[in-house]
Amino acid sequence: MEGYLALMIPIVALMIPIVAIWTKHQQRLAEMQIGATAEQTAEKAAQYASHIQRLEDRVQVLERIVTDGGYNVAAQIEALRDTRRVDEGAGVPLGIEKKERV
């Protein structure tokens, strides 16, 4: 039993600094990971803020189009299409009688 105790005392004495060094290393690794995560989070937040700003700008443009009376643009385009169909001289006529291929 004395031999066992005599062997354990130096081993424990050597293990204490090793454990201290290992825990300090683990702490530094954790701090580095936290720093990297914070940096990535800040970068993502900046990207999201930029994206949100672009979307808000687009929504403002759409709101301006709708409120400035430009909402009936589709109706005006359809009206232009209808007048083209009415015009006889519009476009190049196909020789359907001659069974011309397009």
N, C-alpha and C. Protein backbone atom coordinates (compact mmCIF):
# COMPACT_ATOMS: atom_id res chain seq x y z
N MET A 1 0.82 -1.18 0.00
CA MET A 1 0.00 0.00 0.00
C MET A 1 0.87 1.26 0.00
N GLU A 2 2.00 1.19 0.76
CA GLU A 2 2.90 2.34 0.79
C GLU A 2 3.50 2.60 -0.58
N GLY A 3 3.79 1.55 -1.29
CA GLY A 3 4.37 1.69 -2.63
C GLY A 3 3.37 2.31 -3.61
N TYR A 4 2.13 1.94 -3.46
CA TYR A 4 1.07 2.49 -4.31
C TYR A 4 0.89 3.98 -4.05
N LEU A 5 0.87 4.37 -2.78
CA LEU A 5 0.72 5.77 -2.39
C LEU A 5 1.95 6.57 -2.83
N ALA A 6 3.09 6.01 -2.72
CA ALA A 6 4.32 6.69 -3.12
C ALA A 6 4.35 6.90 -4.63
N LEU A 7 3.73 6.03 -5.38
CA LEU A 7 3.66 6.17 -6.83
C LEU A 7 2.61 7.19 -7.24
N MET A 8 1.52 7.26 -6.53
CA MET A 8 0.40 8.16 -6.87
C MET A 8 0.72 9.63 -6.59
N ILE A 9 1.50 9.91 -5.56
CA ILE A 9 1.79 11.30 -5.20
C ILE A 9 2.51 12.03 -6.33
N PRO A 10 3.57 11.50 -6.94
CA PRO A 10 4.21 12.22 -8.05
C PRO A 10 3.32 12.30 -9.29
N ILE A 11 2.52 11.25 -9.51
CA ILE A 11 1.63 11.28 -10.69
C ILE A 11 0.61 12.40 -10.54
N VAL A 12 0.01 12.51 -9.36
CA VAL A 12 -0.97 13.58 -9.11
C VAL A 12 -0.29 14.94 -9.19
N ALA A 13 0.91 15.02 -8.68
CA ALA A 13 1.64 16.29 -8.71
C ALA A 13 1.93 16.72 -10.15
N LEU A 14 2.18 15.78 -11.04
CA LEU A 14 2.41 16.11 -12.45
C LEU A 14 1.10 16.37 -13.21
N MET A 15 0.02 15.77 -12.77
CA MET A 15 -1.26 15.92 -13.45
C MET A 15 -1.88 17.31 -13.22
N ILE A 16 -1.62 17.92 -12.09
CA ILE A 16 -2.23 19.22 -11.78
C ILE A 16 -1.84 20.27 -12.82
N PRO A 17 -0.55 20.47 -13.14
CA PRO A 17 -0.23 21.47 -14.17
C PRO A 17 -0.75 21.09 -15.55
N ILE A 18 -0.77 19.81 -15.86
CA ILE A 18 -1.28 19.37 -17.16
C ILE A 18 -2.75 19.71 -17.30
N VAL A 19 -3.52 19.45 -16.25
CA VAL A 19 -4.95 19.76 -16.26
C VAL A 19 -5.16 21.27 -16.35
N ALA A 20 -4.33 22.04 -15.65
CA ALA A 20 -4.44 23.50 -15.69
C ALA A 20 -4.17 24.03 -17.09
N ILE A 21 -3.13 23.51 -17.73
CA ILE A 21 -2.80 23.93 -19.10
C ILE A 21 -3.92 23.54 -20.05
N TRP A 22 -4.45 22.33 -19.89
CA TRP A 22 -5.52 21.85 -20.77
C TRP A 22 -6.78 22.70 -20.62
N THR A 23 -7.17 23.05 -19.39
CA THR A 23 -8.36 23.88 -19.19
C THR A 23 -8.16 25.29 -19.75
N LYS A 24 -6.96 25.85 -19.62
CA LYS A 24 -6.70 27.16 -20.18
C LYS A 24 -6.81 27.12 -21.71
N HIS A 25 -6.30 26.03 -22.29
CA HIS A 25 -6.38 25.85 -23.75
C HIS A 25 -7.85 25.74 -24.19
N GLN A 26 -8.63 24.98 -23.46
CA GLN A 26 -10.05 24.83 -23.78
C GLN A 26 -10.77 26.17 -23.68
N GLN A 27 -10.42 26.96 -22.71
CA GLN A 27 -11.04 28.27 -22.54
C GLN A 27 -10.70 29.18 -23.72
N ARG A 28 -9.46 29.16 -24.16
CA ARG A 28 -9.06 29.97 -25.32
C ARG A 28 -9.78 29.52 -26.59
N LEU A 29 -9.92 28.22 -26.76
CA LEU A 29 -10.66 27.71 -27.92
C LEU A 29 -12.11 28.19 -27.89
N ALA A 30 -12.73 28.14 -26.74
CA ALA A 30 -14.12 28.59 -26.61
C ALA A 30 -14.23 30.08 -26.92
N GLU A 31 -13.28 30.89 -26.45
CA GLU A 31 -13.30 32.32 -26.73
C GLU A 31 -13.13 32.59 -28.22
N MET A 32 -12.27 31.83 -28.88
CA MET A 32 -12.07 32.00 -30.32
C MET A 32 -13.33 31.64 -31.08
N GLN A 33 -14.01 30.57 -30.67
CA GLN A 33 -15.24 30.17 -31.34
C GLN A 33 -16.32 31.22 -31.15
N ILE A 34 -16.41 31.79 -29.95
CA ILE A 34 -17.40 32.83 -29.69
C ILE A 34 -17.10 34.05 -30.56
N GLY A 35 -15.83 34.41 -30.67
CA GLY A 35 -15.45 35.55 -31.51
C GLY A 35 -15.79 35.32 -32.97
N ALA A 36 -15.52 34.12 -33.45
CA ALA A 36 -15.83 33.80 -34.86
C ALA A 36 -17.33 33.81 -35.09
N THR A 37 -18.08 33.29 -34.14
CA THR A 37 -19.54 33.27 -34.27
C THR A 37 -20.09 34.68 -34.26
N ALA A 38 -19.57 35.53 -33.39
CA ALA A 38 -20.03 36.92 -33.33
C ALA A 38 -19.73 37.65 -34.63
N GLU A 39 -18.56 37.39 -35.20
CA GLU A 39 -18.18 38.02 -36.46
C GLU A 39 -19.11 37.58 -37.59
N GLN A 40 -19.40 36.30 -37.65
CA GLN A 40 -20.30 35.78 -38.68
C GLN A 40 -21.71 36.34 -38.50
N THR A 41 -22.14 36.45 -37.26
CA THR A 41 -23.47 36.97 -36.99
C THR A 41 -23.57 38.43 -37.41
N ALA A 42 -22.56 39.21 -37.14
CA ALA A 42 -22.55 40.62 -37.54
C ALA A 42 -22.58 40.75 -39.06
N GLU A 43 -21.83 39.89 -39.74
CA GLU A 43 -21.81 39.92 -41.19
C GLU A 43 -23.18 39.57 -41.77
N LYS A 44 -23.81 38.54 -41.22
CA LYS A 44 -25.15 38.15 -41.67
C LYS A 44 -26.15 39.26 -41.41
N ALA A 45 -26.06 39.91 -40.26
CA ALA A 45 -26.98 41.00 -39.93
C ALA A 45 -26.83 42.14 -40.93
N ALA A 46 -25.61 42.45 -41.32
CA ALA A 46 -25.38 43.50 -42.31
C ALA A 46 -25.97 43.12 -43.67
N GLN A 47 -25.82 41.86 -44.05
CA GLN A 47 -26.39 41.40 -45.31
C GLN A 47 -27.91 41.49 -45.27
N TYR A 48 -28.51 41.05 -44.17
CA TYR A 48 -29.97 41.11 -44.03
C TYR A 48 -30.46 42.55 -44.05
N ALA A 49 -29.74 43.46 -43.40
CA ALA A 49 -30.14 44.86 -43.38
C ALA A 49 -30.10 45.44 -44.80
N SER A 50 -29.08 45.10 -45.55
CA SER A 50 -28.97 45.56 -46.93
C SER A 50 -30.11 45.02 -47.78
N HIS A 51 -30.41 43.74 -47.60
CA HIS A 51 -31.49 43.11 -48.36
C HIS A 51 -32.83 43.74 -48.00
N ILE A 52 -33.06 43.98 -46.75
CA ILE A 52 -34.31 44.59 -46.30
C ILE A 52 -34.44 46.00 -46.87
N GLN A 53 -33.34 46.74 -46.91
CA GLN A 53 -33.38 48.09 -47.46
C GLN A 53 -33.75 48.07 -48.93
N ARG A 54 -33.18 47.12 -49.69
CA ARG A 54 -33.52 47.01 -51.11
C ARG A 54 -34.99 46.67 -51.29
N LEU A 55 -35.51 45.76 -50.46
CA LEU A 55 -36.92 45.39 -50.55
C LEU A 55 -37.83 46.57 -50.21
N GLU A 56 -37.46 47.34 -49.18
CA GLU A 56 -38.25 48.51 -48.82
C GLU A 56 -38.25 49.54 -49.95
N ASP A 57 -37.12 49.71 -50.62
CA ASP A 57 -37.06 50.63 -51.75
C ASP A 57 -37.98 50.17 -52.88
N ARG A 58 -37.98 48.88 -53.14
CA ARG A 58 -38.85 48.34 -54.19
C ARG A 58 -40.32 48.52 -53.85
N VAL A 59 -40.65 48.30 -52.58
CA VAL A 59 -42.05 48.46 -52.15
C VAL A 59 -42.46 49.93 -52.30
N GLN A 60 -41.57 50.86 -51.97
CA GLN A 60 -41.89 52.27 -52.13
C GLN A 60 -42.16 52.61 -53.59
N VAL A 61 -41.37 52.05 -54.50
CA VAL A 61 -41.59 52.29 -55.92
C VAL A 61 -42.94 51.73 -56.35
N LEU A 62 -43.27 50.53 -55.89
CA LEU A 62 -44.56 49.94 -56.25
C LEU A 62 -45.72 50.75 -55.68
N GLU A 63 -45.57 51.23 -54.45
CA GLU A 63 -46.62 52.06 -53.85
C GLU A 63 -46.80 53.34 -54.65
N ARG A 64 -45.70 53.93 -55.11
CA ARG A 64 -45.78 55.15 -55.90
C ARG A 64 -46.50 54.88 -57.21
N ILE A 65 -46.20 53.74 -57.83
CA ILE A 65 -46.86 53.41 -59.10
C ILE A 65 -48.36 53.26 -58.89
N VAL A 66 -48.74 52.58 -57.83
CA VAL A 66 -50.17 52.33 -57.59
C VAL A 66 -50.89 53.62 -57.22
N THR A 67 -50.29 54.46 -56.41
CA THR A 67 -50.99 55.66 -55.95
C THR A 67 -50.92 56.81 -56.94
N ASP A 68 -50.01 56.80 -57.91
CA ASP A 68 -49.89 57.89 -58.87
C ASP A 68 -50.77 57.69 -60.10
N GLY A 69 -51.67 56.77 -60.06
CA GLY A 69 -52.56 56.56 -61.20
C GLY A 69 -51.96 55.68 -62.27
N GLY A 70 -50.81 55.15 -62.04
CA GLY A 70 -50.19 54.27 -63.02
C GLY A 70 -50.70 52.84 -62.90
N TYR A 71 -51.65 52.63 -62.02
CA TYR A 71 -52.16 51.29 -61.79
C TYR A 71 -52.92 50.78 -63.00
N ASN A 72 -53.50 51.67 -63.80
CA ASN A 72 -54.27 51.23 -64.95
C ASN A 72 -53.40 51.05 -66.19
N VAL A 73 -52.13 50.84 -66.01
CA VAL A 73 -51.21 50.62 -67.12
C VAL A 73 -51.62 49.38 -67.91
N ALA A 74 -52.03 48.35 -67.23
CA ALA A 74 -52.45 47.12 -67.92
C ALA A 74 -53.66 47.40 -68.81
N ALA A 75 -54.58 48.19 -68.33
CA ALA A 75 -55.76 48.52 -69.13
C ALA A 75 -55.37 49.35 -70.34
N GLN A 76 -54.41 50.25 -70.18
CA GLN A 76 -53.96 51.06 -71.31
C GLN A 76 -53.25 50.18 -72.34
N ILE A 77 -52.48 49.21 -71.90
CA ILE A 77 -51.81 48.30 -72.84
C ILE A 77 -52.83 47.49 -73.61
N GLU A 78 -53.84 47.00 -72.92
CA GLU A 78 -54.90 46.24 -73.60
C GLU A 78 -55.65 47.11 -74.59
N ALA A 79 -55.87 48.38 -74.25
CA ALA A 79 -56.54 49.29 -75.17
C ALA A 79 -55.70 49.49 -76.43
N LEU A 80 -54.38 49.59 -76.26
CA LEU A 80 -53.50 49.71 -77.42
C LEU A 80 -53.54 48.46 -78.28
N ARG A 81 -53.61 47.32 -77.66
CA ARG A 81 -53.70 46.07 -78.43
C ARG A 81 -55.00 46.01 -79.21
N ASP A 82 -56.09 46.45 -78.60
CA ASP A 82 -57.39 46.43 -79.28
C ASP A 82 -57.39 47.36 -80.49
N THR A 83 -56.77 48.54 -80.38
CA THR A 83 -56.74 49.45 -81.52
C THR A 83 -55.87 48.90 -82.64
N ARG A 84 -54.85 48.15 -82.33
CA ARG A 84 -54.02 47.54 -83.38
C ARG A 84 -54.81 46.51 -84.17
N ARG A 85 -55.63 45.76 -83.48
CA ARG A 85 -56.43 44.74 -84.17
C ARG A 85 -57.45 45.39 -85.10
N VAL A 86 -57.93 46.55 -84.70
CA VAL A 86 -58.93 47.23 -85.50
C VAL A 86 -58.31 47.80 -86.77
N ASP A 87 -57.09 48.28 -86.66
CA ASP A 87 -56.43 48.88 -87.83
C ASP A 87 -56.19 47.81 -88.90
N GLU A 88 -56.60 48.15 -90.13
CA GLU A 88 -56.41 47.22 -91.23
C GLU A 88 -54.96 47.19 -91.71
N GLY A 89 -54.31 48.32 -91.67
CA GLY A 89 -52.98 48.43 -92.21
C GLY A 89 -51.88 48.02 -91.25
N ALA A 90 -52.22 47.60 -90.08
CA ALA A 90 -51.20 47.27 -89.10
C ALA A 90 -50.59 45.91 -89.40
N GLY A 91 -49.29 45.83 -89.37
CA GLY A 91 -48.60 44.56 -89.55
C GLY A 91 -48.47 44.18 -91.01
N VAL A 92 -47.89 43.03 -91.25
CA VAL A 92 -47.69 42.50 -92.60
C VAL A 92 -48.68 41.36 -92.78
N PRO A 93 -49.58 41.48 -93.75
CA PRO A 93 -50.58 40.42 -93.95
C PRO A 93 -49.95 39.16 -94.52
N LEU A 94 -50.45 38.03 -94.09
CA LEU A 94 -50.00 36.75 -94.63
C LEU A 94 -50.86 36.39 -95.83
N GLY A 95 -50.27 35.76 -96.78
CA GLY A 95 -51.03 35.32 -97.94
C GLY A 95 -51.71 33.99 -97.62
N ILE A 96 -52.79 34.04 -96.89
CA ILE A 96 -53.48 32.82 -96.45
C ILE A 96 -54.10 32.12 -97.66
N GLU A 97 -54.56 32.91 -98.64
CA GLU A 97 -55.15 32.30 -99.81
C GLU A 97 -54.15 31.42 -100.55
N LYS A 98 -52.87 31.82 -100.52
CA LYS A 98 -51.83 31.08 -101.21
C LYS A 98 -51.23 29.99 -100.31
N LYS A 99 -51.76 29.86 -99.10
CA LYS A 99 -51.29 28.87 -98.11
C LYS A 99 -49.81 29.06 -97.82
N GLU A 100 -49.49 30.30 -97.55
CA GLU A 100 -48.12 30.67 -97.21
C GLU A 100 -47.79 30.15 -95.82
N ARG A 101 -46.60 29.59 -95.67
CA ARG A 101 -46.17 29.09 -94.36
C ARG A 101 -45.45 30.18 -93.59
N VAL A 102 -45.62 30.14 -92.31
CA VAL A 102 -44.99 31.13 -91.45
C VAL A 102 -43.66 30.63 -90.98
